[in-house]
């Protein structure tokens, strides 16, 4: 059950500029203490539904923030700048990751 969580963490860690540490993923993305993600991996315990919902909300919020920034840049005539191209990549990343988190939520009770 935790594989989608691990996959999301790995992709975030790989795709973000400075990477992401497990304790940041635990606190900011899962809404738990800094050792929660490590605990899940080592114990094999099932992630809580609340954590999955927190993760989806965080990822979806980041996607929406990049979308709004991109829309503002396009309105200001910067649609072809390297910054807007980076924003488009981030929108796609967070869209994909939030979809994975949403799927994990829907699979939670099966």
PDB file of N, CA and C in Angstrom:
ATOM      1  N   UNK A   1       0.819  -1.211   0.000  1.00  0.00           N
ATOM      2  CA  UNK A   1       0.000   0.000   0.000  1.00  0.00           C
ATOM      3  C   UNK A   1       0.853   1.262   0.000  1.00  0.00           C
ATOM      4  N   UNK A   2       2.046   1.195   0.523  1.00  0.00           N
ATOM      5  CA  UNK A   2       2.882   2.385   0.608  1.00  0.00           C
ATOM      6  C   UNK A   2       3.698   2.633  -0.656  1.00  0.00           C
ATOM      7  N   UNK A   3       3.631   1.729  -1.621  1.00  0.00           N
ATOM      8  CA  UNK A   3       4.433   1.907  -2.830  1.00  0.00           C
ATOM      9  C   UNK A   3       4.119   3.203  -3.567  1.00  0.00           C
ATOM     10  N   UNK A   4       2.844   3.584  -3.719  1.00  0.00           N
ATOM     11  CA  UNK A   4       2.584   4.878  -4.372  1.00  0.00           C
ATOM     12  C   UNK A   4       3.234   6.044  -3.618  1.00  0.00           C
ATOM     13  N   UNK A   5       3.228   5.966  -2.307  1.00  0.00           N
ATOM     14  CA  UNK A   5       3.853   7.000  -1.485  1.00  0.00           C
ATOM     15  C   UNK A   5       5.362   7.063  -1.738  1.00  0.00           C
ATOM     16  N   UNK A   6       5.988   5.908  -1.787  1.00  0.00           N
ATOM     17  CA  UNK A   6       7.423   5.827  -2.050  1.00  0.00           C
ATOM     18  C   UNK A   6       7.739   6.339  -3.455  1.00  0.00           C
ATOM     19  N   UNK A   7       6.900   5.978  -4.422  1.00  0.00           N
ATOM     20  CA  UNK A   7       7.101   6.437  -5.800  1.00  0.00           C
ATOM     21  C   UNK A   7       6.988   7.958  -5.898  1.00  0.00           C
ATOM     22  N   UNK A   8       6.009   8.529  -5.215  1.00  0.00           N
ATOM     23  CA  UNK A   8       5.826   9.976  -5.224  1.00  0.00           C
ATOM     24  C   UNK A   8       7.038  10.656  -4.589  1.00  0.00           C
ATOM     25  N   UNK A   9       7.493  10.128  -3.465  1.00  0.00           N
ATOM     26  CA  UNK A   9       8.672  10.697  -2.807  1.00  0.00           C
ATOM     27  C   UNK A   9       9.888  10.652  -3.728  1.00  0.00           C
ATOM     28  N   UNK A  10      10.135   9.509  -4.343  1.00  0.00           N
ATOM     29  CA  UNK A  10      11.309   9.373  -5.219  1.00  0.00           C
ATOM     30  C   UNK A  10      11.251  10.356  -6.382  1.00  0.00           C
ATOM     31  N   UNK A  11      10.095  10.503  -6.962  1.00  0.00           N
ATOM     32  CA  UNK A  11       9.976  11.418  -8.100  1.00  0.00           C
ATOM     33  C   UNK A  11      10.141  12.859  -7.657  1.00  0.00           C
ATOM     34  N   UNK A  12       9.553  13.214  -6.525  1.00  0.00           N
ATOM     35  CA  UNK A  12       9.739  14.565  -5.997  1.00  0.00           C
ATOM     36  C   UNK A  12      11.207  14.828  -5.716  1.00  0.00           C
ATOM     37  N   UNK A  13      11.855  13.867  -5.120  1.00  0.00           N
ATOM     38  CA  UNK A  13      13.262  14.007  -4.775  1.00  0.00           C
ATOM     39  C   UNK A  13      14.119  14.172  -6.016  1.00  0.00           C
ATOM     40  N   UNK A  14      13.794  13.455  -7.062  1.00  0.00           N
ATOM     41  CA  UNK A  14      14.559  13.514  -8.301  1.00  0.00           C
ATOM     42  C   UNK A  14      14.270  14.782  -9.099  1.00  0.00           C
ATOM     43  N   UNK A  15      13.007  15.185  -9.147  1.00  0.00           N
ATOM     44  CA  UNK A  15      12.584  16.250 -10.053  1.00  0.00           C
ATOM     45  C   UNK A  15      12.725  17.666  -9.487  1.00  0.00           C
ATOM     46  N   UNK A  16      12.768  17.819  -8.181  1.00  0.00           N
ATOM     47  CA  UNK A  16      12.867  19.167  -7.627  1.00  0.00           C
ATOM     48  C   UNK A  16      14.313  19.627  -7.607  1.00  0.00           C
ATOM     49  N   UNK A  17      14.502  20.930  -7.627  1.00  0.00           N
ATOM     50  CA  UNK A  17      15.829  21.524  -7.782  1.00  0.00           C
ATOM     51  C   UNK A  17      16.821  21.029  -6.735  1.00  0.00           C
ATOM     52  N   UNK A  18      16.469  21.086  -5.494  1.00  0.00           N
ATOM     53  CA  UNK A  18      17.381  20.730  -4.416  1.00  0.00           C
ATOM     54  C   UNK A  18      17.083  19.356  -3.825  1.00  0.00           C
ATOM     55  N   UNK A  19      16.259  18.585  -4.494  1.00  0.00           N
ATOM     56  CA  UNK A  19      15.843  17.309  -3.935  1.00  0.00           C
ATOM     57  C   UNK A  19      14.908  17.543  -2.770  1.00  0.00           C
ATOM     58  N   UNK A  20      14.549  16.503  -2.111  1.00  0.00           N
ATOM     59  CA  UNK A  20      13.687  16.619  -0.940  1.00  0.00           C
ATOM     60  C   UNK A  20      14.119  15.547   0.050  1.00  0.00           C
ATOM     61  N   UNK A  21      14.208  15.905   1.269  1.00  0.00           N
ATOM     62  CA  UNK A  21      14.604  14.971   2.323  1.00  0.00           C
ATOM     63  C   UNK A  21      13.362  14.280   2.882  1.00  0.00           C
ATOM     64  N   UNK A  22      13.567  13.096   3.427  1.00  0.00           N
ATOM     65  CA  UNK A  22      12.439  12.327   3.975  1.00  0.00           C
ATOM     66  C   UNK A  22      11.722  13.079   5.078  1.00  0.00           C
ATOM     67  N   UNK A  23      12.456  13.781   5.926  1.00  0.00           N
ATOM     68  CA  UNK A  23      11.801  14.480   7.031  1.00  0.00           C
ATOM     69  C   UNK A  23      10.938  15.641   6.522  1.00  0.00           C
ATOM     70  N   UNK A  24      11.345  16.257   5.419  1.00  0.00           N
ATOM     71  CA  UNK A  24      10.521  17.321   4.831  1.00  0.00           C
ATOM     72  C   UNK A  24       9.270  16.716   4.201  1.00  0.00           C
ATOM     73  N   UNK A  25       9.431  15.588   3.550  1.00  0.00           N
ATOM     74  CA  UNK A  25       8.281  14.893   2.975  1.00  0.00           C
ATOM     75  C   UNK A  25       7.291  14.523   4.078  1.00  0.00           C
ATOM     76  N   UNK A  26       7.805  14.034   5.192  1.00  0.00           N
ATOM     77  CA  UNK A  26       6.951  13.646   6.323  1.00  0.00           C
ATOM     78  C   UNK A  26       6.166  14.823   6.873  1.00  0.00           C
ATOM     79  N   UNK A  27       6.859  15.936   7.078  1.00  0.00           N
ATOM     80  CA  UNK A  27       6.197  17.074   7.731  1.00  0.00           C
ATOM     81  C   UNK A  27       5.355  17.896   6.766  1.00  0.00           C
ATOM     82  N   UNK A  28       5.924  18.258   5.623  1.00  0.00           N
ATOM     83  CA  UNK A  28       5.218  19.159   4.706  1.00  0.00           C
ATOM     84  C   UNK A  28       4.204  18.462   3.813  1.00  0.00           C
ATOM     85  N   UNK A  29       4.531  17.271   3.359  1.00  0.00           N
ATOM     86  CA  UNK A  29       3.655  16.600   2.402  1.00  0.00           C
ATOM     87  C   UNK A  29       2.689  15.616   3.055  1.00  0.00           C
ATOM     88  N   UNK A  30       3.096  15.015   4.156  1.00  0.00           N
ATOM     89  CA  UNK A  30       2.220  14.053   4.834  1.00  0.00           C
ATOM     90  C   UNK A  30       1.549  14.634   6.076  1.00  0.00           C
ATOM     91  N   UNK A  31       2.062  15.756   6.553  1.00  0.00           N
ATOM     92  CA  UNK A  31       1.462  16.408   7.710  1.00  0.00           C
ATOM     93  C   UNK A  31       1.711  15.682   9.025  1.00  0.00           C
ATOM     94  N   UNK A  32       2.805  14.979   9.111  1.00  0.00           N
ATOM     95  CA  UNK A  32       3.136  14.205  10.317  1.00  0.00           C
ATOM     96  C   UNK A  32       4.487  14.631  10.861  1.00  0.00           C
ATOM     97  N   UNK A  33       4.963  13.919  11.867  1.00  0.00           N
ATOM     98  CA  UNK A  33       6.275  14.262  12.413  1.00  0.00           C
ATOM     99  C   UNK A  33       7.372  13.845  11.434  1.00  0.00           C
ATOM    100  N   UNK A  34       8.591  14.295  11.699  1.00  0.00           N
ATOM    101  CA  UNK A  34       9.654  14.142  10.714  1.00  0.00           C
ATOM    102  C   UNK A  34      10.129  12.711  10.488  1.00  0.00           C
ATOM    103  N   UNK A  35       9.751  11.781  11.337  1.00  0.00           N
ATOM    104  CA  UNK A  35      10.190  10.394  11.160  1.00  0.00           C
ATOM    105  C   UNK A  35       9.089   9.484  10.599  1.00  0.00           C
ATOM    106  N   UNK A  36       7.930  10.043  10.310  1.00  0.00           N
ATOM    107  CA  UNK A  36       6.785   9.218   9.904  1.00  0.00           C
ATOM    108  C   UNK A  36       7.058   8.417   8.623  1.00  0.00           C
ATOM    109  N   UNK A  37       7.606   9.063   7.617  1.00  0.00           N
ATOM    110  CA  UNK A  37       7.845   8.366   6.353  1.00  0.00           C
ATOM    111  C   UNK A  37       8.860   7.241   6.548  1.00  0.00           C
ATOM    112  N   UNK A  38       9.916   7.500   7.298  1.00  0.00           N
ATOM    113  CA  UNK A  38      10.910   6.458   7.597  1.00  0.00           C
ATOM    114  C   UNK A  38      10.271   5.303   8.348  1.00  0.00           C
ATOM    115  N   UNK A  39       9.402   5.634   9.289  1.00  0.00           N
ATOM    116  CA  UNK A  39       8.683   4.615  10.058  1.00  0.00           C
ATOM    117  C   UNK A  39       7.841   3.736   9.135  1.00  0.00           C
ATOM    118  N   UNK A  40       7.118   4.356   8.217  1.00  0.00           N
ATOM    119  CA  UNK A  40       6.284   3.580   7.296  1.00  0.00           C
ATOM    120  C   UNK A  40       7.132   2.637   6.458  1.00  0.00           C
ATOM    121  N   UNK A  41       8.246   3.130   5.966  1.00  0.00           N
ATOM    122  CA  UNK A  41       9.106   2.300   5.126  1.00  0.00           C
ATOM    123  C   UNK A  41       9.710   1.141   5.910  1.00  0.00           C
ATOM    124  N   UNK A  42      10.153   1.398   7.111  1.00  0.00           N
ATOM    125  CA  UNK A  42      10.831   0.348   7.871  1.00  0.00           C
ATOM    126  C   UNK A  42       9.864  -0.660   8.488  1.00  0.00           C
ATOM    127  N   UNK A  43       8.682  -0.208   8.856  1.00  0.00           N
ATOM    128  CA  UNK A  43       7.737  -1.100   9.528  1.00  0.00           C
ATOM    129  C   UNK A  43       6.788  -1.804   8.569  1.00  0.00           C
ATOM    130  N   UNK A  44       6.604  -1.233   7.388  1.00  0.00           N
ATOM    131  CA  UNK A  44       5.641  -1.800   6.445  1.00  0.00           C
ATOM    132  C   UNK A  44       4.201  -1.469   6.805  1.00  0.00           C
ATOM    133  N   UNK A  45       4.009  -0.590   7.794  1.00  0.00           N
ATOM    134  CA  UNK A  45       2.654  -0.184   8.185  1.00  0.00           C
ATOM    135  C   UNK A  45       2.003   0.597   7.056  1.00  0.00           C
ATOM    136  N   UNK A  46       0.696   0.541   7.031  1.00  0.00           N
ATOM    137  CA  UNK A  46      -0.085   1.220   6.001  1.00  0.00           C
ATOM    138  C   UNK A  46      -0.213   2.707   6.331  1.00  0.00           C
ATOM    139  N   UNK A  47       0.029   3.536   5.343  1.00  0.00           N
ATOM    140  CA  UNK A  47      -0.116   4.973   5.512  1.00  0.00           C
ATOM    141  C   UNK A  47      -1.577   5.301   5.830  1.00  0.00           C
ATOM    142  N   UNK A  48      -1.804   6.319   6.634  1.00  0.00           N
ATOM    143  CA  UNK A  48      -3.170   6.676   6.999  1.00  0.00           C
ATOM    144  C   UNK A  48      -3.869   7.404   5.855  1.00  0.00           C
ATOM    145  N   UNK A  49      -5.178   7.316   5.852  1.00  0.00           N
ATOM    146  CA  UNK A  49      -5.977   8.005   4.837  1.00  0.00           C
ATOM    147  C   UNK A  49      -5.797   9.516   4.964  1.00  0.00           C
ATOM    148  N   UNK A  50      -5.675   9.992   6.193  1.00  0.00           N
ATOM    149  CA  UNK A  50      -5.469  11.419   6.419  1.00  0.00           C
ATOM    150  C   UNK A  50      -4.178  11.918   5.792  1.00  0.00           C
ATOM    151  N   UNK A  51      -3.136  11.109   5.866  1.00  0.00           N
ATOM    152  CA  UNK A  51      -1.853  11.478   5.254  1.00  0.00           C
ATOM    153  C   UNK A  51      -1.971  11.519   3.740  1.00  0.00           C
ATOM    154  N   UNK A  52      -2.665  10.561   3.180  1.00  0.00           N
ATOM    155  CA  UNK A  52      -2.853  10.563   1.730  1.00  0.00           C
ATOM    156  C   UNK A  52      -3.646  11.785   1.283  1.00  0.00           C
ATOM    157  N   UNK A  53      -4.650  12.147   2.060  1.00  0.00           N
ATOM    158  CA  UNK A  53      -5.439  13.334   1.732  1.00  0.00           C
ATOM    159  C   UNK A  53      -4.583  14.594   1.859  1.00  0.00           C
ATOM    160  N   UNK A  54      -3.759  14.658   2.897  1.00  0.00           N
ATOM    161  CA  UNK A  54      -2.858  15.796   3.076  1.00  0.00           C
ATOM    162  C   UNK A  54      -1.877  15.881   1.905  1.00  0.00           C
ATOM    163  N   UNK A  55      -1.348  14.740   1.491  1.00  0.00           N
ATOM    164  CA  UNK A  55      -0.422  14.681   0.362  1.00  0.00           C
ATOM    165  C   UNK A  55      -1.088  15.181  -0.910  1.00  0.00           C
ATOM    166  N   UNK A  56      -2.279  14.694  -1.192  1.00  0.00           N
ATOM    167  CA  UNK A  56      -2.996  15.112  -2.396  1.00  0.00           C
ATOM    168  C   UNK A  56      -3.260  16.620  -2.366  1.00  0.00           C
ATOM    169  N   UNK A  57      -3.683  17.125  -1.215  1.00  0.00           N
ATOM    170  CA  UNK A  57      -3.970  18.552  -1.085  1.00  0.00           C
ATOM    171  C   UNK A  57      -2.719  19.387  -1.337  1.00  0.00           C
ATOM    172  N   UNK A  58      -1.594  18.968  -0.780  1.00  0.00           N
ATOM    173  CA  UNK A  58      -0.335  19.686  -0.955  1.00  0.00           C
ATOM    174  C   UNK A  58       0.109  19.680  -2.419  1.00  0.00           C
ATOM    175  N   UNK A  59       0.084  18.509  -3.042  1.00  0.00           N
ATOM    176  CA  UNK A  59       0.504  18.394  -4.435  1.00  0.00           C
ATOM    177  C   UNK A  59      -0.420  19.172  -5.367  1.00  0.00           C
ATOM    178  N   UNK A  60      -1.704  19.081  -5.121  1.00  0.00           N
ATOM    179  CA  UNK A  60      -2.677  19.797  -5.936  1.00  0.00           C
ATOM    180  C   UNK A  60      -2.525  21.306  -5.753  1.00  0.00           C
ATOM    181  N   UNK A  61      -2.248  21.740  -4.528  1.00  0.00           N
ATOM    182  CA  UNK A  61      -2.023  23.156  -4.268  1.00  0.00           C
ATOM    183  C   UNK A  61      -0.799  23.684  -4.995  1.00  0.00           C
ATOM    184  N   UNK A  62       0.280  22.899  -5.010  1.00  0.00           N
ATOM    185  CA  UNK A  62       1.484  23.306  -5.738  1.00  0.00           C
ATOM    186  C   UNK A  62       1.203  23.379  -7.237  1.00  0.00           C
ATOM    187  N   UNK A  63       0.456  22.424  -7.747  1.00  0.00           N
ATOM    188  CA  UNK A  63       0.095  22.439  -9.163  1.00  0.00           C
ATOM    189  C   UNK A  63      -0.700  23.698  -9.498  1.00  0.00           C
ATOM    190  N   UNK A  64      -1.669  24.030  -8.661  1.00  0.00           N
ATOM    191  CA  UNK A  64      -2.492  25.216  -8.890  1.00  0.00           C
ATOM    192  C   UNK A  64      -1.672  26.501  -8.798  1.00  0.00           C
ATOM    193  N   UNK A  65      -0.720  26.552  -7.877  1.00  0.00           N
ATOM    194  CA  UNK A  65       0.132  27.740  -7.743  1.00  0.00           C
ATOM    195  C   UNK A  65       0.983  27.946  -8.999  1.00  0.00           C
ATOM    196  N   UNK A  66       1.562  26.873  -9.514  1.00  0.00           N
ATOM    197  CA  UNK A  66       2.335  26.990 -10.750  1.00  0.00           C
ATOM    198  C   UNK A  66       1.444  27.365 -11.929  1.00  0.00           C
ATOM    199  N   UNK A  67       0.232  26.836 -11.956  1.00  0.00           N
ATOM    200  CA  UNK A  67      -0.692  27.179 -13.038  1.00  0.00           C
ATOM    201  C   UNK A  67      -1.040  28.660 -13.000  1.00  0.00           C
ATOM    202  N   UNK A  68      -1.312  29.177 -11.812  1.00  0.00           N
ATOM    203  CA  UNK A  68      -1.631  30.604 -11.686  1.00  0.00           C
ATOM    204  C   UNK A  68      -0.441  31.470 -12.096  1.00  0.00           C
ATOM    205  N   UNK A  69       0.763  31.089 -11.686  1.00  0.00           N
ATOM    206  CA  UNK A  69       1.960  31.847 -12.062  1.00  0.00           C
ATOM    207  C   UNK A  69       2.161  31.809 -13.574  1.00  0.00           C
ATOM    208  N   UNK A  70       1.936  30.653 -14.160  1.00  0.00           N
ATOM    209  CA  UNK A  70       2.068  30.518 -15.611  1.00  0.00           C
ATOM    210  C   UNK A  70       1.038  31.403 -16.325  1.00  0.00           C
ATOM    211  N   UNK A  71      -0.199  31.370 -15.854  1.00  0.00           N
ATOM    212  CA  UNK A  71      -1.246  32.189 -16.477  1.00  0.00           C
ATOM    213  C   UNK A  71      -0.902  33.677 -16.402  1.00  0.00           C
ATOM    214  N   UNK A  72      -0.361  34.121 -15.257  1.00  0.00           N
ATOM    215  CA  UNK A  72       0.047  35.524 -15.132  1.00  0.00           C
ATOM    216  C   UNK A  72       1.182  35.850 -16.107  1.00  0.00           C
ATOM    217  N   UNK A  73       2.137  34.938 -16.235  1.00  0.00           N
ATOM    218  CA  UNK A  73       3.258  35.163 -17.149  1.00  0.00           C
ATOM    219  C   UNK A  73       2.770  35.261 -18.594  1.00  0.00           C
ATOM    220  N   UNK A  74       1.849  34.412 -18.966  1.00  0.00           N
ATOM    221  CA  UNK A  74       1.302  34.446 -20.328  1.00  0.00           C
ATOM    222  C   UNK A  74       0.564  35.764 -20.561  1.00  0.00           C
ATOM    223  N   UNK A  75      -0.193  36.212 -19.573  1.00  0.00           N
ATOM    224  CA  UNK A  75      -0.904  37.487 -19.704  1.00  0.00           C
ATOM    225  C   UNK A  75       0.066  38.655 -19.848  1.00  0.00           C
ATOM    226  N   UNK A  76       1.252  38.518 -19.288  1.00  0.00           N
ATOM    227  CA  UNK A  76       2.267  39.567 -19.383  1.00  0.00           C
ATOM    228  C   UNK A  76       3.159  39.407 -20.607  1.00  0.00           C
ATOM    229  N   UNK A  77       2.822  38.492 -21.505  1.00  0.00           N
ATOM    230  CA  UNK A  77       3.548  38.321 -22.744  1.00  0.00           C
ATOM    231  C   UNK A  77       4.837  37.529 -22.621  1.00  0.00           C
ATOM    232  N   UNK A  78       4.937  36.693 -21.610  1.00  0.00           N
ATOM    233  CA  UNK A  78       6.157  35.924 -21.399  1.00  0.00           C
ATOM    234  C   UNK A  78       5.948  34.430 -21.654  1.00  0.00           C
ATOM    235  N   UNK A  79       5.103  34.102 -22.577  1.00  0.00           N
ATOM    236  CA  UNK A  79       4.728  32.708 -22.808  1.00  0.00           C
ATOM    237  C   UNK A  79       5.877  31.842 -23.314  1.00  0.00           C
ATOM    238  N   UNK A  80       6.888  32.437 -23.901  1.00  0.00           N
ATOM    239  CA  UNK A  80       7.978  31.631 -24.455  1.00  0.00           C
ATOM    240  C   UNK A  80       9.275  31.748 -23.662  1.00  0.00           C
ATOM    241  N   UNK A  81       9.240  32.389 -22.517  1.00  0.00           N
ATOM    242  CA  UNK A  81      10.471  32.522 -21.736  1.00  0.00           C
ATOM    243  C   UNK A  81      10.847  31.189 -21.092  1.00  0.00           C
ATOM    244  N   UNK A  82      12.100  31.048 -20.721  1.00  0.00           N
ATOM    245  CA  UNK A  82      12.561  29.808 -20.085  1.00  0.00           C
ATOM    246  C   UNK A  82      11.858  29.590 -18.759  1.00  0.00           C
ATOM    247  N   UNK A  83      11.468  30.678 -18.084  1.00  0.00           N
ATOM    248  CA  UNK A  83      10.770  30.534 -16.804  1.00  0.00           C
ATOM    249  C   UNK A  83       9.393  29.901 -16.991  1.00  0.00           C
ATOM    250  N   UNK A  84       8.684  30.326 -18.023  1.00  0.00           N
ATOM    251  CA  UNK A  84       7.356  29.762 -18.240  1.00  0.00           C
ATOM    252  C   UNK A  84       7.442  28.316 -18.709  1.00  0.00           C
ATOM    253  N   UNK A  85       8.498  28.001 -19.444  1.00  0.00           N
ATOM    254  CA  UNK A  85       8.676  26.607 -19.843  1.00  0.00           C
ATOM    255  C   UNK A  85       8.917  25.727 -18.615  1.00  0.00           C
ATOM    256  N   UNK A  86       9.685  26.240 -17.666  1.00  0.00           N
ATOM    257  CA  UNK A  86       9.890  25.527 -16.403  1.00  0.00           C
ATOM    258  C   UNK A  86       8.600  25.378 -15.622  1.00  0.00           C
ATOM    259  N   UNK A  87       7.770  26.415 -15.654  1.00  0.00           N
ATOM    260  CA  UNK A  87       6.475  26.347 -14.969  1.00  0.00           C
ATOM    261  C   UNK A  87       5.600  25.264 -15.581  1.00  0.00           C
ATOM    262  N   UNK A  88       5.622  25.168 -16.904  1.00  0.00           N
ATOM    263  CA  UNK A  88       4.830  24.125 -17.567  1.00  0.00           C
ATOM    264  C   UNK A  88       5.291  22.733 -17.141  1.00  0.00           C
ATOM    265  N   UNK A  89       6.598  22.559 -16.997  1.00  0.00           N
ATOM    266  CA  UNK A  89       7.113  21.271 -16.526  1.00  0.00           C
ATOM    267  C   UNK A  89       6.660  20.976 -15.100  1.00  0.00           C
ATOM    268  N   UNK A  90       6.661  21.992 -14.241  1.00  0.00           N
ATOM    269  CA  UNK A  90       6.217  21.811 -12.855  1.00  0.00           C
ATOM    270  C   UNK A  90       4.725  21.519 -12.785  1.00  0.00           C
ATOM    271  N   UNK A  91       3.958  22.181 -13.626  1.00  0.00           N
ATOM    272  CA  UNK A  91       2.512  21.911 -13.676  1.00  0.00           C
ATOM    273  C   UNK A  91       2.278  20.450 -14.021  1.00  0.00           C
ATOM    274  N   UNK A  92       2.973  19.959 -15.033  1.00  0.00           N
ATOM    275  CA  UNK A  92       2.825  18.558 -15.445  1.00  0.00           C
ATOM    276  C   UNK A  92       3.275  17.612 -14.339  1.00  0.00           C
ATOM    277  N   UNK A  93       4.383  17.939 -13.671  1.00  0.00           N
ATOM    278  CA  UNK A  93       4.885  17.102 -12.574  1.00  0.00           C
ATOM    279  C   UNK A  93       3.864  17.001 -11.458  1.00  0.00           C
ATOM    280  N   UNK A  94       3.412  18.146 -10.960  1.00  0.00           N
ATOM    281  CA  UNK A  94       2.491  18.123  -9.825  1.00  0.00           C
ATOM    282  C   UNK A  94       1.113  17.601 -10.213  1.00  0.00           C
ATOM    283  N   UNK A  95       0.727  17.776 -11.460  1.00  0.00           N
ATOM    284  CA  UNK A  95      -0.529  17.194 -11.931  1.00  0.00           C
ATOM    285  C   UNK A  95      -0.452  15.671 -11.888  1.00  0.00           C
ATOM    286  N   UNK A  96       0.653  15.140 -12.379  1.00  0.00           N
ATOM    287  CA  UNK A  96       0.847  13.694 -12.373  1.00  0.00           C
ATOM    288  C   UNK A  96       0.926  13.148 -10.942  1.00  0.00           C
ATOM    289  N   UNK A  97       1.695  13.812 -10.097  1.00  0.00           N
ATOM    290  CA  UNK A  97       1.846  13.336  -8.718  1.00  0.00           C
ATOM    291  C   UNK A  97       0.543  13.439  -7.932  1.00  0.00           C
ATOM    292  N   UNK A  98      -0.210  14.513  -8.140  1.00  0.00           N
ATOM    293  CA  UNK A  98      -1.487  14.629  -7.424  1.00  0.00           C
ATOM    294  C   UNK A  98      -2.475  13.574  -7.916  1.00  0.00           C
ATOM    295  N   UNK A  99      -2.388  13.213  -9.197  1.00  0.00           N
ATOM    296  CA  UNK A  99      -3.233  12.130  -9.716  1.00  0.00           C
ATOM    297  C   UNK A  99      -2.872  10.795  -9.064  1.00  0.00           C
ATOM    298  N   UNK A 100      -1.567  10.561  -8.880  1.00  0.00           N
ATOM    299  CA  UNK A 100      -1.129   9.334  -8.201  1.00  0.00           C
ATOM    300  C   UNK A 100      -1.619   9.303  -6.750  1.00  0.00           C
ATOM    301  N   UNK A 101      -1.542  10.441  -6.079  1.00  0.00           N
ATOM    302  CA  UNK A 101      -2.007  10.512  -4.689  1.00  0.00           C
ATOM    303  C   UNK A 101      -3.515  10.292  -4.623  1.00  0.00           C
ATOM    304  N   UNK A 102      -4.249  10.874  -5.566  1.00  0.00           N
ATOM    305  CA  UNK A 102      -5.697  10.691  -5.595  1.00  0.00           C
ATOM    306  C   UNK A 102      -6.053   9.226  -5.831  1.00  0.00           C
ATOM    307  N   UNK A 103      -5.331   8.586  -6.730  1.00  0.00           N
ATOM    308  CA  UNK A 103      -5.560   7.160  -6.982  1.00  0.00           C
ATOM    309  C   UNK A 103      -5.293   6.330  -5.729  1.00  0.00           C
ATOM    310  N   UNK A 104      -4.241   6.696  -4.982  1.00  0.00           N
ATOM    311  CA  UNK A 104      -3.933   5.988  -3.739  1.00  0.00           C
ATOM    312  C   UNK A 104      -5.054   6.155  -2.719  1.00  0.00           C
ATOM    313  N   UNK A 105      -5.668   7.335  -2.703  1.00  0.00           N
ATOM    314  CA  UNK A 105      -6.806   7.581  -1.797  1.00  0.00           C
ATOM    315  C   UNK A 105      -7.970   6.692  -2.185  1.00  0.00           C
ATOM    316  N   UNK A 106      -8.268   6.621  -3.479  1.00  0.00           N
ATOM    317  CA  UNK A 106      -9.406   5.824  -3.918  1.00  0.00           C
ATOM    318  C   UNK A 106      -9.190   4.333  -3.700  1.00  0.00           C
ATOM    319  N   UNK A 107      -7.929   3.900  -3.725  1.00  0.00           N
ATOM    320  CA  UNK A 107      -7.599   2.493  -3.512  1.00  0.00           C
ATOM    321  C   UNK A 107      -7.485   2.149  -2.027  1.00  0.00           C
ATOM    322  N   UNK A 108      -7.499   3.136  -1.174  1.00  0.00           N
ATOM    323  CA  UNK A 108      -7.203   2.951   0.246  1.00  0.00           C
ATOM    324  C   UNK A 108      -8.126   1.929   0.919  1.00  0.00           C
ATOM    325  N   UNK A 109      -9.408   2.000   0.632  1.00  0.00           N
ATOM    326  CA  UNK A 109     -10.361   1.131   1.324  1.00  0.00           C
ATOM    327  C   UNK A 109     -10.688  -0.150   0.587  1.00  0.00           C
ATOM    328  N   UNK A 110      -9.999  -0.429  -0.467  1.00  0.00           N
ATOM    329  CA  UNK A 110     -10.283  -1.654  -1.219  1.00  0.00           C
ATOM    330  C   UNK A 110      -9.559  -2.824  -0.609  1.00  0.00           C
TER     331      UNK A 110
END
